[in-house]
Amino acid sequence: MILLLLSLTGNDILAKVDSIMNAPKDRESVGIMVLVDRNGKKKERKIRMWQRGEKKLIRFLAPDEVKGVGFLSLSDERMYLFMPAFKKVRRIASHAKKESFMNSDFSYEDIGSSDYKKKWDGKIISETDSTWVLELTPKPGADVSYSKLIMEVKKSNYLVKRVEFYGKKGDKEKEMTMKKEKKVGNYWTFEELVMENLKTGHKTIMKLEDVKFDQGLSDNIFTERNLKRYR
């Protein structure tokens, strides 16, 4: 085991991270999204999420001001937003992927992406007995909004502990921390994610509840037609 860990490259570790994150055939969960401004004022939103492979649907359940809003990601290039007030589906343009997702500190790109190795090359820049720290730089031609990512990965289970996001000018813009890891059946997950905008002092806390795996989710869930359905 020790020899195996010593022989791993940054890209090997990144591939393992992806394989752990994407191991379930599908997943469904309820989330409480807490928006916290620099003064500590909080706003809560309730969402439900479905995912199968790279397809993802997020639907807002509460409060009333956002109820029915939906986000559908079919791939990194095909993302859609549904706003009930306009009763129309809007495709997210490539240049808009860096924009805030529903006033949170996650961008559309952050929410949609679930496969690091597809767009990033990983290099080990430091390690301890329990973690690796990787520097991720974009693959040639990759359509990403960041100049690099710094990722801390646990050696015991290849779970990501923390990710730093650097802008095109090289400045650190955001930091995401994964908290309260747990195993549900055969799969690892987190009960809480925190994304902090280091420039504004604003942060978003995502608390995950009622996580279910391998339910056999239908392809019909991940369609524009279903995106427009809301109660």
C-alpha atoms as a PDB file:
ATOM      1  CA  MET A   1       0.000   0.000   0.000  1.00  0.00           C
ATOM      2  CA  ILE A   2       2.797   2.436   0.925  1.00  0.00           C
ATOM      3  CA  LEU A   3       4.686   1.702  -2.306  1.00  0.00           C
ATOM      4  CA  LEU A   4       1.488   2.229  -4.285  1.00  0.00           C
ATOM      5  CA  LEU A   5       0.920   5.643  -2.691  1.00  0.00           C
ATOM      6  CA  LEU A   6       4.519   6.641  -3.372  1.00  0.00           C
ATOM      7  CA  SER A   7       4.195   5.773  -7.064  1.00  0.00           C
ATOM      8  CA  LEU A   8       1.021   7.783  -7.674  1.00  0.00           C
ATOM      9  CA  THR A   9       1.177  10.905  -9.845  1.00  0.00           C
ATOM     10  CA  GLY A  10      -1.052  13.938  -9.531  1.00  0.00           C
ATOM     11  CA  ASN A  11      -3.184  12.758 -12.437  1.00  0.00           C
ATOM     12  CA  ASP A  12      -3.484   9.291 -10.874  1.00  0.00           C
ATOM     13  CA  ILE A  13      -4.841  10.873  -7.703  1.00  0.00           C
ATOM     14  CA  LEU A  14      -7.212  13.080  -9.685  1.00  0.00           C
ATOM     15  CA  ALA A  15      -8.560  10.017 -11.505  1.00  0.00           C
ATOM     16  CA  LYS A  16      -9.169   8.311  -8.149  1.00  0.00           C
ATOM     17  CA  VAL A  17     -10.939  11.428  -6.828  1.00  0.00           C
ATOM     18  CA  ASP A  18     -13.261  11.354  -9.847  1.00  0.00           C
ATOM     19  CA  SER A  19     -13.897   7.620  -9.492  1.00  0.00           C
ATOM     20  CA  ILE A  20     -14.909   8.024  -5.828  1.00  0.00           C
ATOM     21  CA  MET A  21     -17.137  11.046  -6.519  1.00  0.00           C
ATOM     22  CA  ASN A  22     -18.814   9.423  -9.522  1.00  0.00           C
ATOM     23  CA  ALA A  23     -19.022   5.852  -8.194  1.00  0.00           C
ATOM     24  CA  PRO A  24     -22.817   5.834  -7.603  1.00  0.00           C
ATOM     25  CA  LYS A  25     -25.005   5.067 -10.623  1.00  0.00           C
ATOM     26  CA  ASP A  26     -27.236   7.934  -9.488  1.00  0.00           C
ATOM     27  CA  ARG A  27     -27.998  10.033  -6.433  1.00  0.00           C
ATOM     28  CA  GLU A  28     -30.786  12.142  -4.981  1.00  0.00           C
ATOM     29  CA  SER A  29     -30.670  14.484  -2.013  1.00  0.00           C
ATOM     30  CA  VAL A  30     -32.320  17.412  -0.289  1.00  0.00           C
ATOM     31  CA  GLY A  31     -30.167  20.438   0.426  1.00  0.00           C
ATOM     32  CA  ILE A  32     -30.419  23.489   2.638  1.00  0.00           C
ATOM     33  CA  MET A  33     -28.508  26.338   1.014  1.00  0.00           C
ATOM     34  CA  VAL A  34     -27.574  29.051   3.511  1.00  0.00           C
ATOM     35  CA  LEU A  35     -26.354  32.369   2.083  1.00  0.00           C
ATOM     36  CA  VAL A  36     -24.310  34.339   4.629  1.00  0.00           C
ATOM     37  CA  ASP A  37     -23.223  37.924   3.947  1.00  0.00           C
ATOM     38  CA  ARG A  38     -20.118  39.563   5.395  1.00  0.00           C
ATOM     39  CA  ASN A  39     -22.163  40.864   8.361  1.00  0.00           C
ATOM     40  CA  GLY A  40     -23.458  37.391   9.223  1.00  0.00           C
ATOM     41  CA  LYS A  41     -26.982  37.919   7.888  1.00  0.00           C
ATOM     42  CA  LYS A  42     -28.422  34.632   6.602  1.00  0.00           C
ATOM     43  CA  LYS A  43     -30.910  33.566   3.947  1.00  0.00           C
ATOM     44  CA  GLU A  44     -32.031  29.953   3.632  1.00  0.00           C
ATOM     45  CA  ARG A  45     -33.199  28.081   0.552  1.00  0.00           C
ATOM     46  CA  LYS A  46     -34.336  24.497   0.216  1.00  0.00           C
ATOM     47  CA  ILE A  47     -33.478  22.488  -2.883  1.00  0.00           C
ATOM     48  CA  ARG A  48     -33.741  18.949  -4.215  1.00  0.00           C
ATOM     49  CA  MET A  49     -31.014  17.488  -6.419  1.00  0.00           C
ATOM     50  CA  TRP A  50     -30.864  14.533  -8.785  1.00  0.00           C
ATOM     51  CA  GLN A  51     -27.741  13.293 -10.560  1.00  0.00           C
ATOM     52  CA  ARG A  52     -26.903  10.468 -12.928  1.00  0.00           C
ATOM     53  CA  GLY A  53     -23.471  10.480 -14.542  1.00  0.00           C
ATOM     54  CA  GLU A  54     -22.763  14.010 -15.734  1.00  0.00           C
ATOM     55  CA  LYS A  55     -26.476  14.884 -15.833  1.00  0.00           C
ATOM     56  CA  LYS A  56     -27.775  16.956 -12.942  1.00  0.00           C
ATOM     57  CA  LEU A  57     -31.096  18.587 -12.027  1.00  0.00           C
ATOM     58  CA  ILE A  58     -31.567  21.050  -9.164  1.00  0.00           C
ATOM     59  CA  ARG A  59     -34.999  22.314  -8.186  1.00  0.00           C
ATOM     60  CA  PHE A  60     -35.715  25.040  -5.611  1.00  0.00           C
ATOM     61  CA  LEU A  61     -38.484  24.144  -3.148  1.00  0.00           C
ATOM     62  CA  ALA A  62     -38.519  27.168  -0.804  1.00  0.00           C
ATOM     63  CA  PRO A  63     -38.910  30.023  -0.014  1.00  0.00           C
ATOM     64  CA  ASP A  64     -41.695  31.227  -2.317  1.00  0.00           C
ATOM     65  CA  GLU A  65     -39.484  33.808  -4.050  1.00  0.00           C
ATOM     66  CA  VAL A  66     -37.388  31.039  -5.634  1.00  0.00           C
ATOM     67  CA  LYS A  67     -39.822  28.110  -5.564  1.00  0.00           C
ATOM     68  CA  GLY A  68     -39.934  26.314  -8.906  1.00  0.00           C
ATOM     69  CA  VAL A  69     -36.631  27.661 -10.204  1.00  0.00           C
ATOM     70  CA  GLY A  70     -34.743  24.816 -11.843  1.00  0.00           C
ATOM     71  CA  PHE A  71     -31.248  24.172 -13.160  1.00  0.00           C
ATOM     72  CA  LEU A  72     -30.395  21.372 -15.586  1.00  0.00           C
ATOM     73  CA  SER A  73     -26.854  20.388 -16.548  1.00  0.00           C
ATOM     74  CA  LEU A  74     -26.511  17.770 -19.274  1.00  0.00           C
ATOM     75  CA  SER A  75     -22.804  18.397 -19.854  1.00  0.00           C
ATOM     76  CA  ASP A  76     -20.271  21.179 -19.324  1.00  0.00           C
ATOM     77  CA  GLU A  77     -21.510  22.748 -22.567  1.00  0.00           C
ATOM     78  CA  ARG A  78     -25.271  22.249 -22.073  1.00  0.00           C
ATOM     79  CA  MET A  79     -26.714  23.976 -19.019  1.00  0.00           C
ATOM     80  CA  TYR A  80     -30.224  25.393 -18.675  1.00  0.00           C
ATOM     81  CA  LEU A  81     -32.081  27.587 -16.181  1.00  0.00           C
ATOM     82  CA  PHE A  82     -35.863  27.701 -15.743  1.00  0.00           C
ATOM     83  CA  MET A  83     -37.503  30.724 -14.098  1.00  0.00           C
ATOM     84  CA  PRO A  84     -41.228  30.153 -13.360  1.00  0.00           C
ATOM     85  CA  ALA A  85     -42.033  33.871 -13.597  1.00  0.00           C
ATOM     86  CA  PHE A  86     -41.069  33.848 -17.292  1.00  0.00           C
ATOM     87  CA  LYS A  87     -42.127  30.246 -18.005  1.00  0.00           C
ATOM     88  CA  LYS A  88     -39.124  29.874 -20.272  1.00  0.00           C
ATOM     89  CA  VAL A  89     -35.961  27.796 -20.285  1.00  0.00           C
ATOM     90  CA  ARG A  90     -32.764  29.783 -20.829  1.00  0.00           C
ATOM     91  CA  ARG A  91     -29.571  28.138 -21.984  1.00  0.00           C
ATOM     92  CA  ILE A  92     -26.507  29.270 -20.012  1.00  0.00           C
ATOM     93  CA  ALA A  93     -24.016  30.750 -22.478  1.00  0.00           C
ATOM     94  CA  SER A  94     -20.377  29.736 -22.206  1.00  0.00           C
ATOM     95  CA  HIS A  95     -19.307  33.239 -21.126  1.00  0.00           C
ATOM     96  CA  ALA A  96     -21.932  33.224 -18.342  1.00  0.00           C
ATOM     97  CA  LYS A  97     -20.756  30.048 -16.591  1.00  0.00           C
ATOM     98  CA  LYS A  98     -18.633  32.073 -14.171  1.00  0.00           C
ATOM     99  CA  GLU A  99     -21.696  34.008 -12.996  1.00  0.00           C
ATOM    100  CA  SER A 100     -23.242  33.372  -9.583  1.00  0.00           C
ATOM    101  CA  PHE A 101     -25.723  30.513  -9.349  1.00  0.00           C
ATOM    102  CA  MET A 102     -28.870  32.022  -7.797  1.00  0.00           C
ATOM    103  CA  ASN A 103     -26.905  34.629  -5.785  1.00  0.00           C
ATOM    104  CA  SER A 104     -24.814  31.936  -4.106  1.00  0.00           C
ATOM    105  CA  ASP A 105     -21.022  31.723  -4.052  1.00  0.00           C
ATOM    106  CA  PHE A 106     -21.114  28.779  -6.452  1.00  0.00           C
ATOM    107  CA  SER A 107     -20.930  29.591 -10.148  1.00  0.00           C
ATOM    108  CA  TYR A 108     -22.808  27.655 -12.822  1.00  0.00           C
ATOM    109  CA  GLU A 109     -19.467  26.075 -13.671  1.00  0.00           C
ATOM    110  CA  ASP A 110     -18.928  25.000 -10.038  1.00  0.00           C
ATOM    111  CA  ILE A 111     -22.390  23.450  -9.824  1.00  0.00           C
ATOM    112  CA  GLY A 112     -22.267  21.683 -13.171  1.00  0.00           C
ATOM    113  CA  SER A 113     -18.794  20.175 -13.087  1.00  0.00           C
ATOM    114  CA  SER A 114     -18.241  16.709 -11.580  1.00  0.00           C
ATOM    115  CA  ASP A 115     -15.226  15.395 -13.504  1.00  0.00           C
ATOM    116  CA  TYR A 116     -11.914  17.083 -12.707  1.00  0.00           C
ATOM    117  CA  LYS A 117      -9.620  14.946 -14.861  1.00  0.00           C
ATOM    118  CA  LYS A 118     -11.576  15.828 -17.991  1.00  0.00           C
ATOM    119  CA  LYS A 119     -10.400  19.452 -17.856  1.00  0.00           C
ATOM    120  CA  TRP A 120      -7.484  19.605 -15.423  1.00  0.00           C
ATOM    121  CA  ASP A 121      -3.963  18.234 -15.080  1.00  0.00           C
ATOM    122  CA  GLY A 122      -2.871  17.470 -11.521  1.00  0.00           C
ATOM    123  CA  LYS A 123       0.575  17.844  -9.973  1.00  0.00           C
ATOM    124  CA  ILE A 124       1.524  16.963  -6.390  1.00  0.00           C
ATOM    125  CA  ILE A 125       3.026  20.069  -4.755  1.00  0.00           C
ATOM    126  CA  SER A 126       3.143  18.858  -1.139  1.00  0.00           C
ATOM    127  CA  GLU A 127       1.932  16.088   1.133  1.00  0.00           C
ATOM    128  CA  THR A 128       1.660  14.977   4.737  1.00  0.00           C
ATOM    129  CA  ASP A 129       1.100  11.532   6.233  1.00  0.00           C
ATOM    130  CA  SER A 130      -2.642  11.946   5.668  1.00  0.00           C
ATOM    131  CA  THR A 131      -3.120  14.234   2.656  1.00  0.00           C
ATOM    132  CA  TRP A 132      -1.831  15.284  -0.749  1.00  0.00           C
ATOM    133  CA  VAL A 133      -1.985  18.848  -2.022  1.00  0.00           C
ATOM    134  CA  LEU A 134      -2.409  19.054  -5.788  1.00  0.00           C
ATOM    135  CA  GLU A 135      -2.062  21.970  -8.167  1.00  0.00           C
ATOM    136  CA  LEU A 136      -4.556  21.667 -11.012  1.00  0.00           C
ATOM    137  CA  THR A 137      -3.926  23.554 -14.255  1.00  0.00           C
ATOM    138  CA  PRO A 138      -6.260  23.594 -17.281  1.00  0.00           C
ATOM    139  CA  LYS A 139      -5.717  21.082 -20.047  1.00  0.00           C
ATOM    140  CA  PRO A 140      -5.022  22.678 -23.459  1.00  0.00           C
ATOM    141  CA  GLY A 141      -8.282  24.011 -24.886  1.00  0.00           C
ATOM    142  CA  ALA A 142     -10.279  23.416 -21.686  1.00  0.00           C
ATOM    143  CA  ASP A 143     -13.154  25.871 -21.244  1.00  0.00           C
ATOM    144  CA  VAL A 144     -12.663  26.829 -17.586  1.00  0.00           C
ATOM    145  CA  SER A 145     -12.935  30.113 -15.693  1.00  0.00           C
ATOM    146  CA  TYR A 146     -10.011  29.587 -13.329  1.00  0.00           C
ATOM    147  CA  SER A 147      -6.260  29.759 -13.925  1.00  0.00           C
ATOM    148  CA  LYS A 148      -5.615  26.978 -11.417  1.00  0.00           C
ATOM    149  CA  LEU A 149      -7.051  25.060  -8.468  1.00  0.00           C
ATOM    150  CA  ILE A 150      -5.263  23.964  -5.300  1.00  0.00           C
ATOM    151  CA  MET A 151      -6.849  20.772  -3.975  1.00  0.00           C
ATOM    152  CA  GLU A 152      -6.262  18.915  -0.715  1.00  0.00           C
ATOM    153  CA  VAL A 153      -7.062  15.182  -0.911  1.00  0.00           C
ATOM    154  CA  LYS A 154      -7.205  12.597   1.880  1.00  0.00           C
ATOM    155  CA  LYS A 155      -4.934   9.603   1.341  1.00  0.00           C
ATOM    156  CA  SER A 156      -7.212   7.198   3.212  1.00  0.00           C
ATOM    157  CA  ASN A 157     -10.221   7.470   0.893  1.00  0.00           C
ATOM    158  CA  TYR A 158      -9.394   9.999  -1.876  1.00  0.00           C
ATOM    159  CA  LEU A 159     -12.008  12.448  -0.642  1.00  0.00           C
ATOM    160  CA  VAL A 160     -11.409  16.129  -1.341  1.00  0.00           C
ATOM    161  CA  LYS A 161     -11.074  18.209   1.828  1.00  0.00           C
ATOM    162  CA  ARG A 162     -10.572  21.659   0.359  1.00  0.00           C
ATOM    163  CA  VAL A 163     -10.308  23.446  -2.999  1.00  0.00           C
ATOM    164  CA  GLU A 164      -8.888  26.918  -3.661  1.00  0.00           C
ATOM    165  CA  PHE A 165     -10.005  28.677  -6.851  1.00  0.00           C
ATOM    166  CA  TYR A 166      -7.664  31.145  -8.582  1.00  0.00           C
ATOM    167  CA  GLY A 167      -8.802  33.743 -11.115  1.00  0.00           C
ATOM    168  CA  LYS A 168      -7.281  34.393 -14.519  1.00  0.00           C
ATOM    169  CA  LYS A 169      -4.975  37.017 -12.987  1.00  0.00           C
ATOM    170  CA  GLY A 170      -3.638  34.497 -10.479  1.00  0.00           C
ATOM    171  CA  ASP A 171      -5.460  35.848  -7.430  1.00  0.00           C
ATOM    172  CA  LYS A 172      -7.274  33.503  -5.054  1.00  0.00           C
ATOM    173  CA  GLU A 173     -10.990  34.167  -5.449  1.00  0.00           C
ATOM    174  CA  LYS A 174     -12.802  31.437  -3.535  1.00  0.00           C
ATOM    175  CA  GLU A 175     -12.260  28.520  -1.208  1.00  0.00           C
ATOM    176  CA  MET A 176     -14.477  25.455  -0.809  1.00  0.00           C
ATOM    177  CA  THR A 177     -14.308  23.225   2.255  1.00  0.00           C
ATOM    178  CA  MET A 178     -15.950  19.808   2.564  1.00  0.00           C
ATOM    179  CA  LYS A 179     -17.140  18.877   6.045  1.00  0.00           C
ATOM    180  CA  LYS A 180     -18.801  15.998   7.902  1.00  0.00           C
ATOM    181  CA  GLU A 181     -17.899  13.152   5.575  1.00  0.00           C
ATOM    182  CA  LYS A 182     -19.825   9.917   6.006  1.00  0.00           C
ATOM    183  CA  LYS A 183     -20.392   6.626   4.251  1.00  0.00           C
ATOM    184  CA  VAL A 184     -23.884   5.784   3.001  1.00  0.00           C
ATOM    185  CA  GLY A 185     -23.944   2.148   1.949  1.00  0.00           C
ATOM    186  CA  ASN A 186     -20.909   1.681  -0.300  1.00  0.00           C
ATOM    187  CA  TYR A 187     -20.405   5.366  -1.084  1.00  0.00           C
ATOM    188  CA  TRP A 188     -18.722   8.331   0.544  1.00  0.00           C
ATOM    189  CA  THR A 189     -20.478  11.681   0.734  1.00  0.00           C
ATOM    190  CA  PHE A 190     -20.421  14.949   2.682  1.00  0.00           C
ATOM    191  CA  GLU A 191     -23.119  16.434   4.858  1.00  0.00           C
ATOM    192  CA  GLU A 192     -21.843  19.988   4.415  1.00  0.00           C
ATOM    193  CA  LEU A 193     -19.967  22.078   1.835  1.00  0.00           C
ATOM    194  CA  VAL A 194     -18.863  25.664   2.416  1.00  0.00           C
ATOM    195  CA  MET A 195     -17.937  27.977  -0.463  1.00  0.00           C
ATOM    196  CA  GLU A 196     -16.436  31.307   0.577  1.00  0.00           C
ATOM    197  CA  ASN A 197     -15.860  34.289  -1.687  1.00  0.00           C
ATOM    198  CA  LEU A 198     -12.611  35.768  -0.404  1.00  0.00           C
ATOM    199  CA  LYS A 199     -13.175  39.092  -2.160  1.00  0.00           C
ATOM    200  CA  THR A 200     -16.653  39.858  -0.835  1.00  0.00           C
ATOM    201  CA  GLY A 201     -16.628  38.030   2.498  1.00  0.00           C
ATOM    202  CA  HIS A 202     -19.855  36.284   1.452  1.00  0.00           C
ATOM    203  CA  LYS A 203     -20.208  32.520   1.849  1.00  0.00           C
ATOM    204  CA  THR A 204     -22.639  29.749   0.993  1.00  0.00           C
ATOM    205  CA  ILE A 205     -23.182  26.723   3.222  1.00  0.00           C
ATOM    206  CA  MET A 206     -24.743  23.678   1.574  1.00  0.00           C
ATOM    207  CA  LYS A 207     -26.172  21.136   4.024  1.00  0.00           C
ATOM    208  CA  LEU A 208     -27.134  17.814   2.447  1.00  0.00           C
ATOM    209  CA  GLU A 209     -29.922  15.657   3.866  1.00  0.00           C
ATOM    210  CA  ASP A 210     -31.689  12.429   2.940  1.00  0.00           C
ATOM    211  CA  VAL A 211     -28.996  11.321   0.481  1.00  0.00           C
ATOM    212  CA  LYS A 212     -30.019   8.274  -1.585  1.00  0.00           C
ATOM    213  CA  PHE A 213     -27.962   6.303  -4.096  1.00  0.00           C
ATOM    214  CA  ASP A 214     -28.611   3.885  -6.974  1.00  0.00           C
ATOM    215  CA  GLN A 215     -32.380   4.320  -7.243  1.00  0.00           C
ATOM    216  CA  GLY A 216     -32.493   3.775 -10.987  1.00  0.00           C
ATOM    217  CA  LEU A 217     -33.336   7.392 -11.857  1.00  0.00           C
ATOM    218  CA  SER A 218     -35.016   7.738 -15.239  1.00  0.00           C
ATOM    219  CA  ASP A 219     -33.587   9.659 -18.195  1.00  0.00           C
ATOM    220  CA  ASN A 220     -36.900  11.554 -18.249  1.00  0.00           C
ATOM    221  CA  ILE A 221     -35.832  13.436 -15.121  1.00  0.00           C
ATOM    222  CA  PHE A 222     -32.978  15.116 -16.980  1.00  0.00           C
ATOM    223  CA  THR A 223     -34.917  16.840 -19.771  1.00  0.00           C
ATOM    224  CA  GLU A 224     -35.953  20.407 -20.567  1.00  0.00           C
ATOM    225  CA  ARG A 225     -39.567  19.260 -20.427  1.00  0.00           C
ATOM    226  CA  ASN A 226     -39.180  18.035 -16.854  1.00  0.00           C
ATOM    227  CA  LEU A 227     -37.183  21.154 -15.958  1.00  0.00           C
ATOM    228  CA  LYS A 228     -40.305  23.248 -16.629  1.00  0.00           C
ATOM    229  CA  ARG A 229     -42.479  21.159 -14.332  1.00  0.00           C
ATOM    230  CA  TYR A 230     -42.859  22.661 -10.881  1.00  0.00           C
ATOM    231  CA  ARG A 231     -45.314  22.884  -8.035  1.00  0.00           C
END
